[in-house]
C-alpha atoms as a PDB file:
ATOM      1  CA  UNK A   1       0.000   0.000   0.000  1.00  0.00           C
ATOM      2  CA  UNK A   2       2.611   2.584   1.041  1.00  0.00           C
ATOM      3  CA  UNK A   3       4.960   1.658  -1.808  1.00  0.00           C
ATOM      4  CA  UNK A   4       2.658   3.362  -4.317  1.00  0.00           C
ATOM      5  CA  UNK A   5       2.208   6.558  -2.310  1.00  0.00           C
ATOM      6  CA  UNK A   6       4.309   9.581  -3.262  1.00  0.00           C
ATOM      7  CA  UNK A   7       7.298  10.355  -1.053  1.00  0.00           C
ATOM      8  CA  UNK A   8       9.806  13.027  -2.045  1.00  0.00           C
ATOM      9  CA  UNK A   9      12.694  14.138   0.161  1.00  0.00           C
ATOM     10  CA  UNK A  10      14.465  16.987  -1.615  1.00  0.00           C
ATOM     11  CA  UNK A  11      17.571  18.732  -0.288  1.00  0.00           C
ATOM     12  CA  UNK A  12      18.357  22.239  -1.569  1.00  0.00           C
ATOM     13  CA  UNK A  13      21.756  23.228  -0.186  1.00  0.00           C
ATOM     14  CA  UNK A  14      21.721  26.600  -1.982  1.00  0.00           C
ATOM     15  CA  UNK A  15      18.631  27.694  -0.037  1.00  0.00           C
ATOM     16  CA  UNK A  16      19.198  25.597   3.115  1.00  0.00           C
ATOM     17  CA  UNK A  17      15.863  23.818   2.699  1.00  0.00           C
ATOM     18  CA  UNK A  18      14.335  20.391   2.811  1.00  0.00           C
ATOM     19  CA  UNK A  19      11.112  19.730   0.929  1.00  0.00           C
ATOM     20  CA  UNK A  20       9.205  16.673   2.030  1.00  0.00           C
ATOM     21  CA  UNK A  21       6.152  15.652   0.008  1.00  0.00           C
ATOM     22  CA  UNK A  22       4.102  12.711   1.225  1.00  0.00           C
ATOM     23  CA  UNK A  23       0.833  11.290  -0.051  1.00  0.00           C
ATOM     24  CA  UNK A  24      -1.526   9.547   2.367  1.00  0.00           C
ATOM     25  CA  UNK A  25      -4.373   7.137   1.597  1.00  0.00           C
ATOM     26  CA  UNK A  26      -6.845   9.213   3.600  1.00  0.00           C
ATOM     27  CA  UNK A  27      -8.847  12.403   3.294  1.00  0.00           C
ATOM     28  CA  UNK A  28      -7.304  15.764   3.995  1.00  0.00           C
ATOM     29  CA  UNK A  29      -9.355  16.433   7.171  1.00  0.00           C
ATOM     30  CA  UNK A  30      -8.214  13.208   8.824  1.00  0.00           C
ATOM     31  CA  UNK A  31      -4.575  13.822   7.896  1.00  0.00           C
ATOM     32  CA  UNK A  32      -4.856  17.414   9.191  1.00  0.00           C
ATOM     33  CA  UNK A  33      -6.235  16.076  12.479  1.00  0.00           C
ATOM     34  CA  UNK A  34      -3.296  13.670  12.790  1.00  0.00           C
ATOM     35  CA  UNK A  35      -0.856  16.588  12.413  1.00  0.00           C
ATOM     36  CA  UNK A  36      -2.675  18.993  14.739  1.00  0.00           C
ATOM     37  CA  UNK A  37      -4.123  17.013  17.673  1.00  0.00           C
ATOM     38  CA  UNK A  38      -1.765  15.849  20.411  1.00  0.00           C
ATOM     39  CA  UNK A  39      -3.649  12.613  21.111  1.00  0.00           C
ATOM     40  CA  UNK A  40      -3.056  11.612  17.475  1.00  0.00           C
ATOM     41  CA  UNK A  41       0.494  13.030  17.182  1.00  0.00           C
ATOM     42  CA  UNK A  42       1.488  10.899  20.173  1.00  0.00           C
ATOM     43  CA  UNK A  43       0.565   7.798  18.171  1.00  0.00           C
ATOM     44  CA  UNK A  44       2.837   8.429  15.174  1.00  0.00           C
ATOM     45  CA  UNK A  45       5.272  11.348  15.422  1.00  0.00           C
ATOM     46  CA  UNK A  46       8.543   9.473  15.910  1.00  0.00           C
ATOM     47  CA  UNK A  47      10.558   6.975  13.908  1.00  0.00           C
ATOM     48  CA  UNK A  48      10.247   3.356  15.013  1.00  0.00           C
ATOM     49  CA  UNK A  49      10.888   2.162  17.684  1.00  0.00           C
ATOM     50  CA  UNK A  50      10.624   5.547  19.440  1.00  0.00           C
ATOM     51  CA  UNK A  51       7.377   6.739  21.012  1.00  0.00           C
ATOM     52  CA  UNK A  52       6.129  10.283  21.529  1.00  0.00           C
ATOM     53  CA  UNK A  53       4.523  11.987  24.505  1.00  0.00           C
ATOM     54  CA  UNK A  54       3.069  15.467  24.608  1.00  0.00           C
ATOM     55  CA  UNK A  55       3.749  17.611  27.655  1.00  0.00           C
ATOM     56  CA  UNK A  56       1.603  20.517  26.402  1.00  0.00           C
ATOM     57  CA  UNK A  57      -0.013  21.696  23.185  1.00  0.00           C
ATOM     58  CA  UNK A  58      -1.946  24.765  22.140  1.00  0.00           C
ATOM     59  CA  UNK A  59      -2.668  24.589  18.421  1.00  0.00           C
ATOM     60  CA  UNK A  60      -3.275  28.248  17.622  1.00  0.00           C
ATOM     61  CA  UNK A  61      -1.151  31.144  16.331  1.00  0.00           C
ATOM     62  CA  UNK A  62       1.352  31.910  19.094  1.00  0.00           C
ATOM     63  CA  UNK A  63       0.705  28.480  20.629  1.00  0.00           C
ATOM     64  CA  UNK A  64       3.103  25.569  20.882  1.00  0.00           C
ATOM     65  CA  UNK A  65       3.623  21.827  21.028  1.00  0.00           C
ATOM     66  CA  UNK A  66       6.088  20.625  23.677  1.00  0.00           C
ATOM     67  CA  UNK A  67       6.844  16.941  23.284  1.00  0.00           C
ATOM     68  CA  UNK A  68       9.436  14.219  23.765  1.00  0.00           C
ATOM     69  CA  UNK A  69      10.517  11.333  21.585  1.00  0.00           C
ATOM     70  CA  UNK A  70      11.397   8.414  23.842  1.00  0.00           C
ATOM     71  CA  UNK A  71      13.937   5.693  23.078  1.00  0.00           C
ATOM     72  CA  UNK A  72      12.421   2.456  24.435  1.00  0.00           C
ATOM     73  CA  UNK A  73      15.829   0.742  24.666  1.00  0.00           C
ATOM     74  CA  UNK A  74      17.145   3.092  27.361  1.00  0.00           C
ATOM     75  CA  UNK A  75      14.289   5.468  28.256  1.00  0.00           C
ATOM     76  CA  UNK A  76      16.169   8.556  26.993  1.00  0.00           C
ATOM     77  CA  UNK A  77      13.860  11.463  26.145  1.00  0.00           C
ATOM     78  CA  UNK A  78      14.612  13.854  23.286  1.00  0.00           C
ATOM     79  CA  UNK A  79      12.556  17.013  23.769  1.00  0.00           C
ATOM     80  CA  UNK A  80      11.228  19.306  21.072  1.00  0.00           C
ATOM     81  CA  UNK A  81       9.381  22.606  20.940  1.00  0.00           C
ATOM     82  CA  UNK A  82       7.213  23.747  18.039  1.00  0.00           C
ATOM     83  CA  UNK A  83       5.878  27.315  18.018  1.00  0.00           C
ATOM     84  CA  UNK A  84       2.850  27.816  15.755  1.00  0.00           C
ATOM     85  CA  UNK A  85       2.948  31.050  13.739  1.00  0.00           C
ATOM     86  CA  UNK A  86       0.046  30.974  11.271  1.00  0.00           C
ATOM     87  CA  UNK A  87      -2.766  28.483  10.777  1.00  0.00           C
ATOM     88  CA  UNK A  88      -5.380  28.122   8.052  1.00  0.00           C
ATOM     89  CA  UNK A  89      -7.363  24.940   8.837  1.00  0.00           C
ATOM     90  CA  UNK A  90      -7.143  22.334   6.760  1.00  0.00           C
ATOM     91  CA  UNK A  91      -4.889  24.109   4.246  1.00  0.00           C
ATOM     92  CA  UNK A  92      -1.600  24.953   5.979  1.00  0.00           C
ATOM     93  CA  UNK A  93       0.286  26.050   9.059  1.00  0.00           C
ATOM     94  CA  UNK A  94       3.696  27.582   9.662  1.00  0.00           C
ATOM     95  CA  UNK A  95       5.846  26.929  12.685  1.00  0.00           C
ATOM     96  CA  UNK A  96       9.278  27.284  14.235  1.00  0.00           C
ATOM     97  CA  UNK A  97      10.817  24.000  15.320  1.00  0.00           C
ATOM     98  CA  UNK A  98      13.544  23.617  17.938  1.00  0.00           C
ATOM     99  CA  UNK A  99      15.198  21.139  20.233  1.00  0.00           C
ATOM    100  CA  UNK A 100      14.464  21.871  23.881  1.00  0.00           C
ATOM    101  CA  UNK A 101      14.654  20.406  27.331  1.00  0.00           C
ATOM    102  CA  UNK A 102      11.832  19.071  29.504  1.00  0.00           C
ATOM    103  CA  UNK A 103      11.199  22.583  30.856  1.00  0.00           C
ATOM    104  CA  UNK A 104      10.676  23.904  27.309  1.00  0.00           C
ATOM    105  CA  UNK A 105      13.892  25.896  27.164  1.00  0.00           C
ATOM    106  CA  UNK A 106      15.221  26.068  23.587  1.00  0.00           C
ATOM    107  CA  UNK A 107      18.615  24.467  22.941  1.00  0.00           C
ATOM    108  CA  UNK A 108      20.434  27.168  20.951  1.00  0.00           C
ATOM    109  CA  UNK A 109      23.328  24.791  20.184  1.00  0.00           C
ATOM    110  CA  UNK A 110      21.162  22.670  17.890  1.00  0.00           C
ATOM    111  CA  UNK A 111      19.561  23.751  14.587  1.00  0.00           C
ATOM    112  CA  UNK A 112      16.252  25.564  14.556  1.00  0.00           C
ATOM    113  CA  UNK A 113      14.034  25.738  11.477  1.00  0.00           C
ATOM    114  CA  UNK A 114      10.908  27.304  10.011  1.00  0.00           C
ATOM    115  CA  UNK A 115       8.347  24.791   8.734  1.00  0.00           C
ATOM    116  CA  UNK A 116       5.611  25.505   6.193  1.00  0.00           C
ATOM    117  CA  UNK A 117       3.254  22.516   6.090  1.00  0.00           C
ATOM    118  CA  UNK A 118       0.602  22.484   3.354  1.00  0.00           C
ATOM    119  CA  UNK A 119      -2.294  20.028   2.933  1.00  0.00           C
ATOM    120  CA  UNK A 120      -3.927  19.501  -0.476  1.00  0.00           C
ATOM    121  CA  UNK A 121      -6.186  16.950  -2.122  1.00  0.00           C
ATOM    122  CA  UNK A 122      -4.718  14.418  -4.539  1.00  0.00           C
ATOM    123  CA  UNK A 123      -7.776  12.587  -5.783  1.00  0.00           C
ATOM    124  CA  UNK A 124      -9.195  10.766  -2.764  1.00  0.00           C
ATOM    125  CA  UNK A 125      -5.861  11.044  -0.978  1.00  0.00           C
ATOM    126  CA  UNK A 126      -4.180  13.882   0.882  1.00  0.00           C
ATOM    127  CA  UNK A 127      -0.793  15.313  -0.081  1.00  0.00           C
ATOM    128  CA  UNK A 128       1.280  17.005   2.608  1.00  0.00           C
ATOM    129  CA  UNK A 129       4.186  19.197   1.563  1.00  0.00           C
ATOM    130  CA  UNK A 130       6.556  20.454   4.228  1.00  0.00           C
ATOM    131  CA  UNK A 131       9.260  22.969   3.399  1.00  0.00           C
ATOM    132  CA  UNK A 132      11.811  23.233   6.197  1.00  0.00           C
ATOM    133  CA  UNK A 133      14.177  26.218   6.083  1.00  0.00           C
ATOM    134  CA  UNK A 134      17.360  26.282   8.162  1.00  0.00           C
ATOM    135  CA  UNK A 135      19.437  29.329   9.066  1.00  0.00           C
ATOM    136  CA  UNK A 136      22.585  27.952   7.438  1.00  0.00           C
ATOM    137  CA  UNK A 137      24.005  25.151   5.341  1.00  0.00           C
ATOM    138  CA  UNK A 138      25.806  23.942   8.485  1.00  0.00           C
ATOM    139  CA  UNK A 139      22.442  23.548  10.262  1.00  0.00           C
ATOM    140  CA  UNK A 140      20.917  21.723   7.296  1.00  0.00           C
ATOM    141  CA  UNK A 141      23.877  19.349   7.060  1.00  0.00           C
ATOM    142  CA  UNK A 142      23.746  18.684  10.829  1.00  0.00           C
ATOM    143  CA  UNK A 143      20.102  17.618  10.550  1.00  0.00           C
ATOM    144  CA  UNK A 144      20.887  15.375   7.584  1.00  0.00           C
ATOM    145  CA  UNK A 145      23.723  13.780   9.590  1.00  0.00           C
ATOM    146  CA  UNK A 146      21.265  13.123  12.431  1.00  0.00           C
ATOM    147  CA  UNK A 147      19.279  10.931  10.032  1.00  0.00           C
ATOM    148  CA  UNK A 148      16.392  13.195   9.086  1.00  0.00           C
ATOM    149  CA  UNK A 149      15.574  11.375   5.835  1.00  0.00           C
ATOM    150  CA  UNK A 150      15.394   7.895   7.363  1.00  0.00           C
ATOM    151  CA  UNK A 151      13.583   9.267  10.393  1.00  0.00           C
ATOM    152  CA  UNK A 152      10.967  10.964   8.221  1.00  0.00           C
ATOM    153  CA  UNK A 153      10.420   7.809   6.146  1.00  0.00           C
ATOM    154  CA  UNK A 154       9.847   5.736   9.279  1.00  0.00           C
ATOM    155  CA  UNK A 155       7.618   8.392  10.846  1.00  0.00           C
ATOM    156  CA  UNK A 156       5.461   8.686   7.717  1.00  0.00           C
ATOM    157  CA  UNK A 157       5.035   4.900   7.665  1.00  0.00           C
ATOM    158  CA  UNK A 158       3.750   5.102  11.239  1.00  0.00           C
ATOM    159  CA  UNK A 159       1.230   7.708  10.124  1.00  0.00           C
ATOM    160  CA  UNK A 160       0.127   5.361   7.315  1.00  0.00           C
ATOM    161  CA  UNK A 161      -0.541   2.681   9.935  1.00  0.00           C
ATOM    162  CA  UNK A 162      -2.485   5.063  12.176  1.00  0.00           C
ATOM    163  CA  UNK A 163      -4.578   6.372   9.289  1.00  0.00           C
ATOM    164  CA  UNK A 164      -5.433   2.821   8.192  1.00  0.00           C
ATOM    165  CA  UNK A 165      -6.585   1.950  11.711  1.00  0.00           C
ATOM    166  CA  UNK A 166      -8.625   5.165  12.043  1.00  0.00           C
ATOM    167  CA  UNK A 167     -10.320   4.580   8.674  1.00  0.00           C
ATOM    168  CA  UNK A 168     -11.040   0.965   9.648  1.00  0.00           C
ATOM    169  CA  UNK A 169     -12.725   2.172  12.877  1.00  0.00           C
ATOM    170  CA  UNK A 170     -15.074   4.531  10.990  1.00  0.00           C
END
């Protein structure tokens, strides 16, 4: 099923951007909900075998999502902070993404990025395009070295699984 769905991971080193396009076998509203509701994000937003837990989330302009990805092998928690800038339901949102600690303090030593996440229809499916812009080529390359492409592939596969189960329950 997932093998036929579009997945593009494009690196533009001249503009310090990543463009991630992913098609999902679900309607746009359901995919939007999976990206914007903490109880759904906690079920898919981490590469396997990691899990995710939300500490707090306010999905509105000026709001945030404070979460941790947890490594089940050792219990280590990797905290993140997303600040929501603009939101147009079910079309797009923009955000600033950062690494943080459990208290929500931004880690300035790790790359920060602006995300523009757009949701469109592709027939009966939804297409999500995320353009991630880093402050420098060094930041972009650091994220690539951390395994961003493989992590995104695994994370998107988890979303496929969640969407299939949610559609089955309807």
